Amino acid sequence: MCTTMKQSAIANSKRLVIKIGSALLVHADGSLRETWLEALAQDVANLRAKGTHVILVSSGAIALGCEVLKFKKRPDRLEEAQAAAAVGQIQLAQAYQTYFRAHDYTTAQLLLTLDDMENRPRYLNARNTVSELLEHGVIPVINENDTVATSEIRFGDNDRLAARVAQMASADTLILLSDINGLYDADPRDNKTAKLVSVVDAVTPEIEKMAGPPAQQGVGSGGMVTKIGAAKIALSGGCSMIIMNGEKNSPITRLTGGESCTIFNAGTNPLAVRKRWIQGMMAPKGFLHIDAGAVIALKRGASLLPAGVTDTLGNFDRGDLVAFIGPDGHTTGQGLISYNSLDAAKLQGQNMRNADSILGYAGRSALVHRDDLVLL
């Protein structure tokens, strides 16, 4: 059942996030595991050939920087860790570019912080950037922006970051490549009878107790505790999550071939979760009066275009909730708008193709994208 479930999770994923731990990418002496990265690039190329969009969340910058700066171990001082991250990030980006270029794929680097995820405009910018890169066939490589961290670089940040990225990108599956086979019912390092938990349908207190303390050795900084935290984030966004041992070459090929792992089953999909969230939102910041043609188009699953808008009311920003008022005066739906109220008013009744000349910039392709609206 587990093998079928994980194969289905990968095969049916339109968007897949793969998180790569430092211990997999970097040798203990701080040098890059080039053969491993070359094999991973082939794995990702195979996924792309099947039409799957892939996002990588990669650790390793600090570990690579430590080797260049001759640090004998992972720094305890924030300033040294930031310096190592600044140096190592260049090494990391160059490595990904080199190995993916061999398969005719372009990589892009994005450095994010928790603030980027919590600040609505910056979150939307990051989400839109990732979506645009994927649409152009580019493979985003995302890391936490450790060089500007204002608090200590905590362990497990990239596990949680990967889950937040999966949420942001509406990914179907998140794969955490680790140095352990998955979640065990006891610590396998201390208990030889520990059993691998193949399927988790919900993160219960019992599951959390199995995680144990975070790891504090080697070049990595995470542990099972952070991975369980990532699972909670991923599942809440309708994204399934897999933990597997990625130490050997070609981890994705091995995973689809039946290698053991733990799969956290979301039981739903990201779009359904997003739609329920939008439907449950209250107190819209603005109202768009739409004509009968727009109502028909929305019922057919289309986005809301400005040509069908007859009036714009309210003071709202990009990403705010707006309600749609049909010609009969009743609310027909609501969604998250892609423009502020001033620009939306300028666009109403116009063809979207003219948005650039009307606004002076090229914005989103619809006032409200179909993925960002619900009918009521």
Protein backbone atom coordinates (compact mmCIF):
# COMPACT_ATOMS: atom_id res chain seq x y z
CA MET A 1 0.00 0.00 0.00
CA CYS A 2 2.80 2.40 0.92
CA THR A 3 4.66 1.74 -2.34
CA THR A 4 1.52 2.35 -4.39
CA MET A 5 0.70 5.48 -2.39
CA LYS A 6 4.14 7.08 -2.80
CA GLN A 7 4.35 6.16 -6.49
CA SER A 8 0.93 7.73 -6.97
CA ALA A 9 1.94 10.82 -4.98
CA ILE A 10 4.90 11.42 -7.30
CA ALA A 11 3.26 10.37 -10.58
CA ASN A 12 0.17 12.51 -9.96
CA SER A 13 2.03 15.58 -8.72
CA LYS A 14 1.87 18.58 -11.00
CA ARG A 15 4.21 20.45 -8.67
CA LEU A 16 6.81 18.73 -6.53
CA VAL A 17 9.10 20.25 -3.90
CA ILE A 18 12.32 18.41 -3.03
CA LYS A 19 14.23 19.44 0.09
CA ILE A 20 17.92 18.52 0.15
CA GLY A 21 19.75 18.33 3.45
CA SER A 22 23.33 19.52 3.92
CA ALA A 23 24.63 16.05 4.81
CA LEU A 24 23.51 14.76 1.41
CA LEU A 25 25.00 17.57 -0.63
CA VAL A 26 28.26 18.16 1.22
CA HIS A 27 30.93 15.72 2.45
CA ALA A 28 32.01 15.89 6.08
CA ASP A 29 35.14 17.77 4.96
CA GLY A 30 32.98 20.51 3.37
CA SER A 31 33.46 19.49 -0.26
CA LEU A 32 30.53 19.06 -2.65
CA ARG A 33 29.20 15.56 -3.36
CA GLU A 34 29.42 16.08 -7.10
CA THR A 35 28.41 12.58 -8.19
CA TRP A 36 25.33 12.70 -5.97
CA LEU A 37 24.27 16.09 -7.35
CA GLU A 38 24.83 14.91 -10.91
CA ALA A 39 22.51 11.94 -10.27
CA LEU A 40 19.89 14.19 -8.66
CA ALA A 41 19.94 16.43 -11.73
CA GLN A 42 19.13 13.36 -13.83
CA ASP A 43 16.27 12.48 -11.46
CA VAL A 44 14.80 15.96 -11.79
CA ALA A 45 15.26 15.93 -15.57
CA ASN A 46 13.25 12.68 -15.65
CA LEU A 47 10.45 14.33 -13.67
CA ARG A 48 10.45 17.38 -15.94
CA ALA A 49 10.25 15.15 -19.01
CA LYS A 50 6.97 13.81 -17.60
CA GLY A 51 5.62 17.35 -17.18
CA THR A 52 6.16 17.69 -13.43
CA HIS A 53 7.21 21.12 -12.17
CA VAL A 54 10.03 20.78 -9.65
CA ILE A 55 11.18 23.20 -6.94
CA LEU A 56 14.32 22.52 -4.93
CA VAL A 57 14.82 23.76 -1.38
CA SER A 58 18.50 23.27 -0.72
CA SER A 59 20.61 23.41 2.39
CA GLY A 60 24.38 23.39 2.10
CA ALA A 61 25.43 27.04 1.80
CA ILE A 62 26.86 27.29 5.32
CA ALA A 63 28.58 23.90 5.03
CA LEU A 64 30.23 24.86 1.73
CA GLY A 65 31.18 28.28 3.09
CA CYS A 66 32.82 26.72 6.15
CA GLU A 67 35.16 24.78 3.88
CA VAL A 68 36.15 27.90 1.93
CA LEU A 69 36.66 29.98 5.09
CA LYS A 70 38.59 27.14 6.77
CA PHE A 71 36.17 26.80 9.69
CA LYS A 72 36.75 23.46 11.38
CA LYS A 73 33.08 23.09 12.38
CA ARG A 74 29.71 24.73 11.89
CA PRO A 75 30.01 28.20 13.50
CA ASP A 76 28.28 29.00 16.76
CA ARG A 77 28.58 32.77 16.29
CA LEU A 78 25.87 34.33 14.12
CA GLU A 79 28.35 36.56 12.26
CA GLU A 80 30.52 33.60 11.26
CA ALA A 81 27.48 31.60 10.12
CA GLN A 82 26.29 34.54 8.03
CA ALA A 83 29.73 34.92 6.46
CA ALA A 84 29.86 31.22 5.65
CA ALA A 85 26.38 31.41 4.11
CA ALA A 86 27.36 34.40 1.97
CA VAL A 87 30.40 32.57 0.57
CA GLY A 88 28.74 29.19 0.29
CA GLN A 89 25.63 30.45 -1.47
CA ILE A 90 27.68 31.35 -4.54
CA GLN A 91 29.28 27.91 -4.55
CA LEU A 92 25.86 26.29 -4.22
CA ALA A 93 24.25 28.30 -7.03
CA GLN A 94 27.15 27.58 -9.38
CA ALA A 95 26.96 23.86 -8.64
CA TYR A 96 23.24 23.64 -9.42
CA GLN A 97 23.65 25.71 -12.57
CA THR A 98 26.46 23.46 -13.81
CA TYR A 99 24.75 20.11 -13.30
CA PHE A 100 21.31 21.13 -14.52
CA ARG A 101 22.68 22.90 -17.56
CA ALA A 102 23.96 19.49 -18.68
CA HIS A 103 20.27 18.55 -19.11
CA ASP A 104 19.42 21.88 -20.82
CA TYR A 105 17.59 23.21 -17.75
CA THR A 106 18.04 26.65 -16.26
CA THR A 107 18.10 27.13 -12.50
CA ALA A 108 17.13 30.26 -10.56
CA GLN A 109 18.14 31.21 -7.04
CA LEU A 110 15.65 32.58 -4.51
CA LEU A 111 16.65 33.51 -0.96
CA LEU A 112 13.70 33.81 1.42
CA THR A 113 13.16 34.64 5.07
CA LEU A 114 10.24 34.07 7.42
CA ASP A 115 9.36 37.73 6.96
CA ASP A 116 8.91 37.08 3.24
CA MET A 117 6.35 34.42 4.12
CA GLU A 118 4.50 36.54 6.68
CA ASN A 119 4.41 39.84 4.80
CA ARG A 120 1.48 39.63 2.37
CA PRO A 121 2.90 41.71 -0.55
CA ARG A 122 6.29 39.99 -0.36
CA TYR A 123 4.60 36.59 -0.09
CA LEU A 124 2.59 37.31 -3.24
CA ASN A 125 5.72 38.51 -5.04
CA ALA A 126 7.55 35.30 -4.11
CA ARG A 127 4.57 33.14 -5.10
CA ASN A 128 4.20 34.89 -8.45
CA THR A 129 7.94 34.71 -9.15
CA VAL A 130 8.04 30.96 -8.49
CA SER A 131 4.96 30.40 -10.67
CA GLU A 132 6.44 32.43 -13.51
CA LEU A 133 9.74 30.56 -13.33
CA LEU A 134 7.96 27.21 -13.46
CA GLU A 135 5.86 28.30 -16.42
CA HIS A 136 9.10 29.10 -18.27
CA GLY A 137 10.58 25.71 -17.51
CA VAL A 138 13.06 27.05 -14.95
CA ILE A 139 13.94 25.05 -11.81
CA PRO A 140 13.86 27.35 -8.74
CA VAL A 141 16.47 26.59 -6.08
CA ILE A 142 15.37 28.12 -2.78
CA ASN A 143 17.29 28.60 0.44
CA GLU A 144 16.78 30.58 3.60
CA ASN A 145 18.50 33.97 3.42
CA ASP A 146 20.85 33.19 6.30
CA THR A 147 23.08 36.18 5.56
CA VAL A 148 20.45 38.67 6.77
CA ALA A 149 18.95 36.62 9.61
CA THR A 150 18.26 38.79 12.64
CA SER A 151 18.06 35.85 15.06
CA GLU A 152 20.13 32.74 15.47
CA ILE A 153 20.15 30.35 12.54
CA ARG A 154 18.00 27.63 14.10
CA PHE A 155 18.10 23.98 13.15
CA GLY A 156 15.41 22.70 10.88
CA ASP A 157 14.72 26.04 9.22
CA ASN A 158 14.93 24.51 5.74
CA ASP A 159 12.56 21.67 6.65
CA ARG A 160 9.94 24.20 7.66
CA LEU A 161 10.92 26.51 4.81
CA ALA A 162 10.38 23.66 2.36
CA ALA A 163 6.90 23.09 3.77
CA ARG A 164 6.07 26.79 3.54
CA VAL A 165 7.36 26.85 -0.04
CA ALA A 166 5.19 23.84 -0.84
CA GLN A 167 2.20 25.72 0.59
CA MET A 168 3.07 28.89 -1.29
CA ALA A 169 3.52 27.09 -4.61
CA SER A 170 0.42 24.88 -4.13
CA ALA A 171 2.64 21.81 -4.51
CA ASP A 172 1.06 18.38 -4.42
CA THR A 173 3.96 16.58 -2.75
CA LEU A 174 6.98 17.53 -0.65
CA ILE A 175 9.93 15.11 -0.49
CA LEU A 176 12.41 15.57 2.35
CA LEU A 177 15.68 13.90 1.40
CA SER A 178 17.36 13.09 4.69
CA ASP A 179 19.96 10.76 6.20
CA ILE A 180 17.29 8.52 7.74
CA ASN A 181 14.79 6.15 6.11
CA GLY A 182 11.77 7.89 7.61
CA LEU A 183 9.88 8.10 10.89
CA TYR A 184 10.45 5.25 13.36
CA ASP A 185 8.33 4.38 16.38
CA ALA A 186 11.54 4.68 18.44
CA ASP A 187 15.05 6.01 17.86
CA PRO A 188 16.71 3.36 15.63
CA ARG A 189 20.14 4.47 16.85
CA ASP A 190 19.29 3.33 20.36
CA ASN A 191 16.62 0.71 19.75
CA LYS A 192 17.36 -2.10 17.31
CA THR A 193 13.71 -3.20 17.36
CA ALA A 194 12.45 0.22 16.17
CA LYS A 195 10.01 -0.10 13.28
CA LEU A 196 9.59 2.24 10.35
CA VAL A 197 6.19 3.97 10.19
CA SER A 198 5.27 3.68 6.51
CA VAL A 199 2.09 5.78 6.40
CA VAL A 200 0.92 8.67 8.57
CA ASP A 201 -2.58 10.01 7.95
CA ALA A 202 -2.48 12.67 10.70
CA VAL A 203 0.17 14.20 12.96
CA THR A 204 -1.10 13.13 16.37
CA PRO A 205 0.60 13.63 19.76
CA GLU A 206 1.73 9.99 19.50
CA ILE A 207 3.42 10.70 16.17
CA GLU A 208 5.12 13.79 17.61
CA LYS A 209 6.49 11.75 20.52
CA MET A 210 8.20 9.42 18.05
CA ALA A 211 10.29 12.28 16.67
CA GLY A 212 12.69 12.60 19.62
CA PRO A 213 15.22 15.47 19.99
CA PRO A 214 16.75 17.41 17.06
CA ALA A 215 20.05 16.23 15.62
CA GLN A 216 23.13 18.22 16.64
CA GLN A 217 26.03 16.61 14.82
CA GLY A 218 27.59 16.61 11.36
CA VAL A 219 27.10 19.30 8.73
CA GLY A 220 23.30 19.26 8.92
CA SER A 221 21.21 21.05 11.51
CA GLY A 222 17.77 19.46 11.40
CA GLY A 223 16.19 16.41 12.99
CA MET A 224 12.96 14.44 12.99
CA VAL A 225 11.31 17.07 15.19
CA THR A 226 11.62 19.68 12.46
CA LYS A 227 10.41 17.21 9.85
CA ILE A 228 7.25 16.51 11.84
CA GLY A 229 6.76 20.27 12.08
CA ALA A 230 7.15 20.47 8.31
CA ALA A 231 4.59 17.69 7.88
CA LYS A 232 2.01 19.64 9.88
CA ILE A 233 2.54 22.68 7.65
CA ALA A 234 2.43 20.65 4.44
CA LEU A 235 -0.67 18.65 5.34
CA SER A 236 -2.55 21.81 6.31
CA GLY A 237 -1.98 23.01 2.75
CA GLY A 238 -3.20 19.79 1.13
CA CYS A 239 0.35 18.69 0.31
CA SER A 240 1.49 15.13 1.02
CA MET A 241 5.01 14.71 2.39
CA ILE A 242 7.59 11.94 2.09
CA ILE A 243 10.67 11.42 4.25
CA MET A 244 13.32 9.13 2.78
CA ASN A 245 17.03 8.38 3.02
CA GLY A 246 18.67 10.25 0.18
CA GLU A 247 22.30 9.38 0.88
CA LYS A 248 22.70 7.06 -2.10
CA ASN A 249 22.63 8.36 -5.66
CA SER A 250 19.37 8.84 -7.61
CA PRO A 251 17.00 9.12 -4.63
CA ILE A 252 13.86 9.85 -6.68
CA THR A 253 14.48 6.89 -8.96
CA ARG A 254 14.98 4.70 -5.90
CA LEU A 255 11.85 6.10 -4.27
CA THR A 256 9.62 5.30 -7.25
CA GLY A 257 11.30 1.92 -7.42
CA GLY A 258 9.96 0.98 -4.01
CA GLU A 259 12.58 2.11 -1.51
CA SER A 260 11.30 2.41 2.05
CA CYS A 261 10.11 5.76 3.36
CA THR A 262 7.43 7.44 5.43
CA ILE A 263 4.59 9.13 3.59
CA PHE A 264 2.34 11.66 5.30
CA ASN A 265 -0.89 11.47 3.32
CA ALA A 266 -2.73 14.77 2.85
CA GLY A 267 -5.98 13.15 1.75
CA THR A 268 -6.89 16.21 -0.31
CA ASN A 269 -5.18 18.58 -2.76
CA PRO A 270 -3.75 22.12 -2.44
CA LEU A 271 -6.34 23.75 -4.69
CA ALA A 272 -9.25 22.34 -2.68
CA VAL A 273 -7.66 23.61 0.54
CA ARG A 274 -7.09 27.04 -0.97
CA LYS A 275 -10.66 27.22 -2.26
CA ARG A 276 -12.05 26.29 1.17
CA TRP A 277 -9.87 28.95 2.78
CA ILE A 278 -11.10 31.63 0.36
CA GLN A 279 -14.70 30.51 0.81
CA GLY A 280 -14.36 30.83 4.58
CA MET A 281 -12.98 34.36 4.44
CA MET A 282 -15.29 37.14 5.59
CA ALA A 283 -15.47 40.95 5.35
CA PRO A 284 -14.32 41.68 1.78
CA LYS A 285 -12.33 44.88 1.32
CA GLY A 286 -14.07 45.72 -1.96
CA PHE A 287 -16.85 44.85 -4.40
CA LEU A 288 -16.77 44.26 -8.14
CA HIS A 289 -20.07 44.57 -10.00
CA ILE A 290 -20.00 42.16 -12.93
CA ASP A 291 -22.25 41.63 -15.94
CA ALA A 292 -24.19 38.51 -16.92
CA GLY A 293 -21.45 37.37 -19.30
CA ALA A 294 -18.89 37.41 -16.52
CA VAL A 295 -21.21 35.37 -14.27
CA ILE A 296 -21.57 32.73 -16.98
CA ALA A 297 -17.80 32.67 -17.54
CA LEU A 298 -17.12 32.21 -13.81
CA LYS A 299 -19.58 29.31 -13.65
CA ARG A 300 -17.64 27.67 -16.47
CA GLY A 301 -14.44 27.88 -14.43
CA ALA A 302 -12.89 30.99 -15.99
CA SER A 303 -10.92 33.74 -14.29
CA LEU A 304 -12.53 37.13 -13.74
CA LEU A 305 -11.41 39.52 -16.48
CA PRO A 306 -11.88 43.31 -16.35
CA ALA A 307 -14.05 43.33 -19.47
CA GLY A 308 -16.92 41.90 -17.41
CA VAL A 309 -16.62 44.40 -14.55
CA THR A 310 -19.08 47.30 -14.59
CA ASP A 311 -18.18 49.04 -11.32
CA THR A 312 -15.48 48.94 -8.63
CA LEU A 313 -16.21 49.83 -5.02
CA GLY A 314 -13.99 49.97 -1.94
CA ASN A 315 -10.36 50.62 -1.05
CA PHE A 316 -8.31 47.44 -1.39
CA ASP A 317 -4.77 46.29 -2.11
CA ARG A 318 -3.42 43.48 -4.25
CA GLY A 319 -4.18 40.17 -2.56
CA ASP A 320 -7.19 41.45 -0.60
CA LEU A 321 -10.56 39.73 -0.62
CA VAL A 322 -13.20 41.21 -2.94
CA ALA A 323 -16.79 40.08 -3.57
CA PHE A 324 -18.47 39.80 -6.98
CA ILE A 325 -21.95 41.33 -7.33
CA GLY A 326 -24.02 40.03 -10.25
CA PRO A 327 -26.51 42.08 -12.32
CA ASP A 328 -29.32 40.89 -10.01
CA GLY A 329 -27.61 42.58 -7.04
CA HIS A 330 -26.69 39.33 -5.30
CA THR A 331 -23.18 38.18 -4.35
CA THR A 332 -22.11 35.49 -6.80
CA GLY A 333 -18.61 34.80 -5.50
CA GLN A 334 -15.45 36.18 -3.96
CA GLY A 335 -11.71 35.98 -4.46
CA LEU A 336 -8.26 37.47 -3.98
CA ILE A 337 -7.70 40.30 -6.42
CA SER A 338 -4.47 40.80 -8.35
CA TYR A 339 -4.65 44.62 -8.48
CA ASN A 340 -5.31 47.43 -6.03
CA SER A 341 -8.56 49.40 -6.15
CA LEU A 342 -7.15 52.31 -8.21
CA ASP A 343 -5.78 50.07 -10.93
CA ALA A 344 -8.83 47.81 -10.89
CA ALA A 345 -11.04 50.84 -11.50
CA LYS A 346 -8.88 51.87 -14.45
CA LEU A 347 -9.12 48.38 -15.94
CA GLN A 348 -12.87 47.81 -15.50
CA GLY A 349 -14.63 47.27 -18.80
CA GLN A 350 -11.30 47.05 -20.65
CA ASN A 351 -9.61 44.22 -22.50
CA MET A 352 -6.83 42.64 -20.45
CA ARG A 353 -4.50 42.97 -23.45
CA ASN A 354 -4.56 46.73 -22.97
CA ALA A 355 -3.52 46.63 -19.30
CA ASP A 356 0.08 47.59 -20.05
CA SER A 357 -0.86 50.79 -21.87
CA ILE A 358 -3.58 51.66 -19.33
CA LEU A 359 -1.51 51.13 -16.18
CA GLY A 360 2.00 51.67 -17.47
CA TYR A 361 3.13 48.21 -16.39
CA ALA A 362 2.40 44.58 -17.21
CA GLY A 363 0.52 42.99 -14.33
CA ARG A 364 -1.24 39.68 -13.81
CA SER A 365 -3.28 38.06 -16.58
CA ALA A 366 -6.64 38.48 -14.80
CA LEU A 367 -8.27 40.65 -12.15
CA VAL A 368 -8.93 37.50 -10.11
CA HIS A 369 -7.38 34.22 -11.20
CA ARG A 370 -9.67 31.18 -11.23
CA ASP A 371 -7.48 29.48 -8.60
CA ASP A 372 -8.06 32.45 -6.31
CA LEU A 373 -11.87 32.64 -6.42
CA VAL A 374 -14.93 30.67 -5.36
CA LEU A 375 -18.58 30.91 -6.32
CA LEU A 376 -21.06 31.31 -3.48
